[in-house]
Amino acid sequence: LRVPAVFIVDGRPLPSLRGTIIVLHDAGFDPDETIDWLLTPEETIGVAPIEALLAGRKSEVRRVAATLA
């Protein structure tokens, strides 16, 4: 089992990641699709969702994720 390094901040999982993963799971994403979505630039956000989460844009990322169902 491997976790992308960008998901870890100060030795711990990025706090906003958990809820975002739940939203993606609720939208029907499997674990591989979830990781792919988080790491791939998203046109509606302007950057990869993980970059937006790292920048504190949790609500925006989750809003977009919720529309993917």
N, C-alpha and C. Protein backbone atom coordinates (compact mmCIF):
# COMPACT_ATOMS: atom_id res chain seq x y z
N LEU A 1 0.85 -1.18 0.00
CA LEU A 1 0.00 0.00 0.00
C LEU A 1 0.89 1.23 0.00
N ARG A 2 0.62 2.15 -0.92
CA ARG A 2 1.41 3.38 -1.01
C ARG A 2 0.48 4.58 -0.98
N VAL A 3 0.95 5.63 -0.36
CA VAL A 3 0.21 6.88 -0.29
C VAL A 3 1.06 7.95 -0.97
N PRO A 4 0.47 8.69 -1.92
CA PRO A 4 1.26 9.75 -2.56
C PRO A 4 1.80 10.72 -1.50
N ALA A 5 3.06 11.07 -1.63
CA ALA A 5 3.72 11.95 -0.65
C ALA A 5 3.00 13.27 -0.50
N VAL A 6 2.40 13.76 -1.55
CA VAL A 6 1.72 15.05 -1.49
C VAL A 6 0.49 15.01 -0.56
N PHE A 7 0.02 13.82 -0.22
CA PHE A 7 -1.11 13.69 0.70
C PHE A 7 -0.69 13.85 2.16
N ILE A 8 0.62 13.87 2.42
CA ILE A 8 1.14 13.95 3.77
C ILE A 8 1.74 15.33 4.03
N VAL A 9 1.34 15.95 5.12
CA VAL A 9 1.85 17.27 5.51
C VAL A 9 2.31 17.17 6.96
N ASP A 10 3.55 17.52 7.20
CA ASP A 10 4.11 17.44 8.55
C ASP A 10 3.96 16.04 9.16
N GLY A 11 4.15 15.02 8.33
CA GLY A 11 4.10 13.66 8.81
C GLY A 11 2.72 13.08 9.03
N ARG A 12 1.68 13.84 8.69
CA ARG A 12 0.29 13.39 8.89
C ARG A 12 -0.50 13.58 7.61
N PRO A 13 -1.57 12.82 7.42
CA PRO A 13 -2.42 13.04 6.24
C PRO A 13 -3.01 14.45 6.26
N LEU A 14 -3.09 15.07 5.11
CA LEU A 14 -3.70 16.38 4.98
C LEU A 14 -5.12 16.31 5.56
N PRO A 15 -5.45 17.14 6.55
CA PRO A 15 -6.75 17.03 7.23
C PRO A 15 -7.96 17.11 6.30
N SER A 16 -7.91 17.95 5.28
CA SER A 16 -9.06 18.11 4.39
C SER A 16 -9.23 16.95 3.43
N LEU A 17 -8.29 16.04 3.41
CA LEU A 17 -8.34 14.91 2.48
C LEU A 17 -9.45 13.93 2.85
N ARG A 18 -9.63 13.66 4.11
CA ARG A 18 -10.61 12.65 4.55
C ARG A 18 -12.01 12.96 4.04
N GLY A 19 -12.50 14.14 4.31
CA GLY A 19 -13.85 14.51 3.88
C GLY A 19 -13.98 14.55 2.36
N THR A 20 -12.93 14.97 1.69
CA THR A 20 -12.95 15.02 0.23
C THR A 20 -13.04 13.60 -0.33
N ILE A 21 -12.30 12.68 0.25
CA ILE A 21 -12.36 11.29 -0.20
C ILE A 21 -13.76 10.71 0.04
N ILE A 22 -14.39 11.06 1.13
CA ILE A 22 -15.75 10.60 1.41
C ILE A 22 -16.71 11.12 0.34
N VAL A 23 -16.58 12.39 -0.03
CA VAL A 23 -17.44 12.97 -1.08
C VAL A 23 -17.23 12.21 -2.40
N LEU A 24 -15.98 11.94 -2.75
CA LEU A 24 -15.69 11.21 -3.98
C LEU A 24 -16.24 9.78 -3.92
N HIS A 25 -16.11 9.14 -2.77
CA HIS A 25 -16.66 7.79 -2.60
C HIS A 25 -18.18 7.82 -2.79
N ASP A 26 -18.83 8.81 -2.20
CA ASP A 26 -20.28 8.95 -2.35
C ASP A 26 -20.68 9.19 -3.81
N ALA A 27 -19.78 9.78 -4.58
CA ALA A 27 -20.03 10.04 -6.01
C ALA A 27 -19.75 8.80 -6.86
N GLY A 28 -19.29 7.71 -6.22
CA GLY A 28 -19.08 6.47 -6.94
C GLY A 28 -17.65 6.18 -7.35
N PHE A 29 -16.70 6.99 -6.89
CA PHE A 29 -15.30 6.79 -7.23
C PHE A 29 -14.71 5.63 -6.42
N ASP A 30 -13.91 4.79 -7.09
CA ASP A 30 -13.18 3.76 -6.36
C ASP A 30 -11.85 4.38 -5.91
N PRO A 31 -11.06 3.68 -5.10
CA PRO A 31 -9.81 4.27 -4.59
C PRO A 31 -8.85 4.76 -5.69
N ASP A 32 -8.69 3.98 -6.75
CA ASP A 32 -7.78 4.40 -7.83
C ASP A 32 -8.30 5.65 -8.54
N GLU A 33 -9.60 5.69 -8.81
CA GLU A 33 -10.20 6.86 -9.46
C GLU A 33 -10.08 8.09 -8.56
N THR A 34 -10.22 7.90 -7.27
CA THR A 34 -10.09 9.00 -6.31
C THR A 34 -8.69 9.61 -6.37
N ILE A 35 -7.68 8.76 -6.33
CA ILE A 35 -6.31 9.25 -6.38
C ILE A 35 -6.05 9.96 -7.71
N ASP A 36 -6.50 9.35 -8.79
CA ASP A 36 -6.31 9.97 -10.11
C ASP A 36 -6.96 11.35 -10.16
N TRP A 37 -8.18 11.46 -9.65
CA TRP A 37 -8.88 12.75 -9.69
C TRP A 37 -8.15 13.80 -8.86
N LEU A 38 -7.70 13.41 -7.69
CA LEU A 38 -7.00 14.35 -6.82
C LEU A 38 -5.70 14.86 -7.43
N LEU A 39 -5.04 14.04 -8.22
CA LEU A 39 -3.73 14.40 -8.76
C LEU A 39 -3.76 15.01 -10.16
N THR A 40 -4.90 14.95 -10.83
CA THR A 40 -5.02 15.44 -12.20
C THR A 40 -5.59 16.86 -12.20
N PRO A 41 -5.00 17.76 -12.97
CA PRO A 41 -5.56 19.12 -13.03
C PRO A 41 -7.04 19.08 -13.40
N GLU A 42 -7.82 19.85 -12.68
CA GLU A 42 -9.27 19.93 -12.86
C GLU A 42 -9.60 21.30 -13.43
N GLU A 43 -10.19 21.31 -14.61
CA GLU A 43 -10.47 22.56 -15.32
C GLU A 43 -11.28 23.54 -14.47
N THR A 44 -12.28 23.06 -13.77
CA THR A 44 -13.16 23.97 -13.01
C THR A 44 -12.46 24.58 -11.79
N ILE A 45 -11.37 23.94 -11.34
CA ILE A 45 -10.62 24.45 -10.18
C ILE A 45 -9.40 25.24 -10.63
N GLY A 46 -8.86 24.86 -11.79
CA GLY A 46 -7.70 25.56 -12.33
C GLY A 46 -6.37 24.91 -11.99
N VAL A 47 -6.38 23.97 -11.07
CA VAL A 47 -5.19 23.21 -10.68
C VAL A 47 -5.66 21.80 -10.30
N ALA A 48 -4.71 20.93 -9.98
CA ALA A 48 -5.09 19.61 -9.46
C ALA A 48 -5.80 19.81 -8.12
N PRO A 49 -6.85 19.05 -7.86
CA PRO A 49 -7.56 19.20 -6.59
C PRO A 49 -6.66 19.14 -5.35
N ILE A 50 -5.63 18.28 -5.36
CA ILE A 50 -4.75 18.21 -4.19
C ILE A 50 -4.02 19.53 -3.98
N GLU A 51 -3.66 20.21 -5.07
CA GLU A 51 -3.01 21.51 -4.94
C GLU A 51 -3.97 22.53 -4.31
N ALA A 52 -5.23 22.48 -4.72
CA ALA A 52 -6.22 23.39 -4.14
C ALA A 52 -6.43 23.07 -2.66
N LEU A 53 -6.46 21.79 -2.31
CA LEU A 53 -6.61 21.43 -0.89
C LEU A 53 -5.42 21.93 -0.07
N LEU A 54 -4.24 21.77 -0.61
CA LEU A 54 -3.04 22.26 0.09
C LEU A 54 -3.07 23.78 0.26
N ALA A 55 -3.76 24.48 -0.65
CA ALA A 55 -3.87 25.93 -0.58
C ALA A 55 -5.05 26.39 0.28
N GLY A 56 -5.76 25.43 0.89
CA GLY A 56 -6.87 25.78 1.77
C GLY A 56 -8.21 25.97 1.08
N ARG A 57 -8.35 25.47 -0.13
CA ARG A 57 -9.58 25.64 -0.90
C ARG A 57 -10.48 24.41 -0.82
N LYS A 58 -10.65 23.91 0.39
CA LYS A 58 -11.40 22.68 0.66
C LYS A 58 -12.84 22.75 0.15
N SER A 59 -13.55 23.81 0.44
CA SER A 59 -14.96 23.91 0.06
C SER A 59 -15.12 23.87 -1.45
N GLU A 60 -14.27 24.57 -2.16
CA GLU A 60 -14.33 24.59 -3.62
C GLU A 60 -14.11 23.19 -4.19
N VAL A 61 -13.12 22.49 -3.68
CA VAL A 61 -12.81 21.15 -4.16
C VAL A 61 -13.97 20.21 -3.89
N ARG A 62 -14.55 20.28 -2.73
CA ARG A 62 -15.66 19.39 -2.39
C ARG A 62 -16.92 19.72 -3.17
N ARG A 63 -17.14 20.99 -3.47
CA ARG A 63 -18.28 21.38 -4.31
C ARG A 63 -18.16 20.74 -5.69
N VAL A 64 -16.97 20.82 -6.27
CA VAL A 64 -16.73 20.22 -7.59
C VAL A 64 -16.86 18.71 -7.50
N ALA A 65 -16.27 18.10 -6.50
CA ALA A 65 -16.34 16.64 -6.34
C ALA A 65 -17.79 16.17 -6.23
N ALA A 66 -18.60 16.92 -5.54
CA ALA A 66 -20.00 16.52 -5.34
C ALA A 66 -20.79 16.54 -6.64
N THR A 67 -20.37 17.30 -7.63
CA THR A 67 -21.07 17.37 -8.90
C THR A 67 -20.70 16.23 -9.83
N LEU A 68 -19.75 15.40 -9.45
CA LEU A 68 -19.24 14.35 -10.33
C LEU A 68 -20.07 13.07 -10.30
N ALA A 69 -21.05 13.01 -9.45
CA ALA A 69 -21.88 11.80 -9.33
C ALA A 69 -22.67 11.53 -10.59
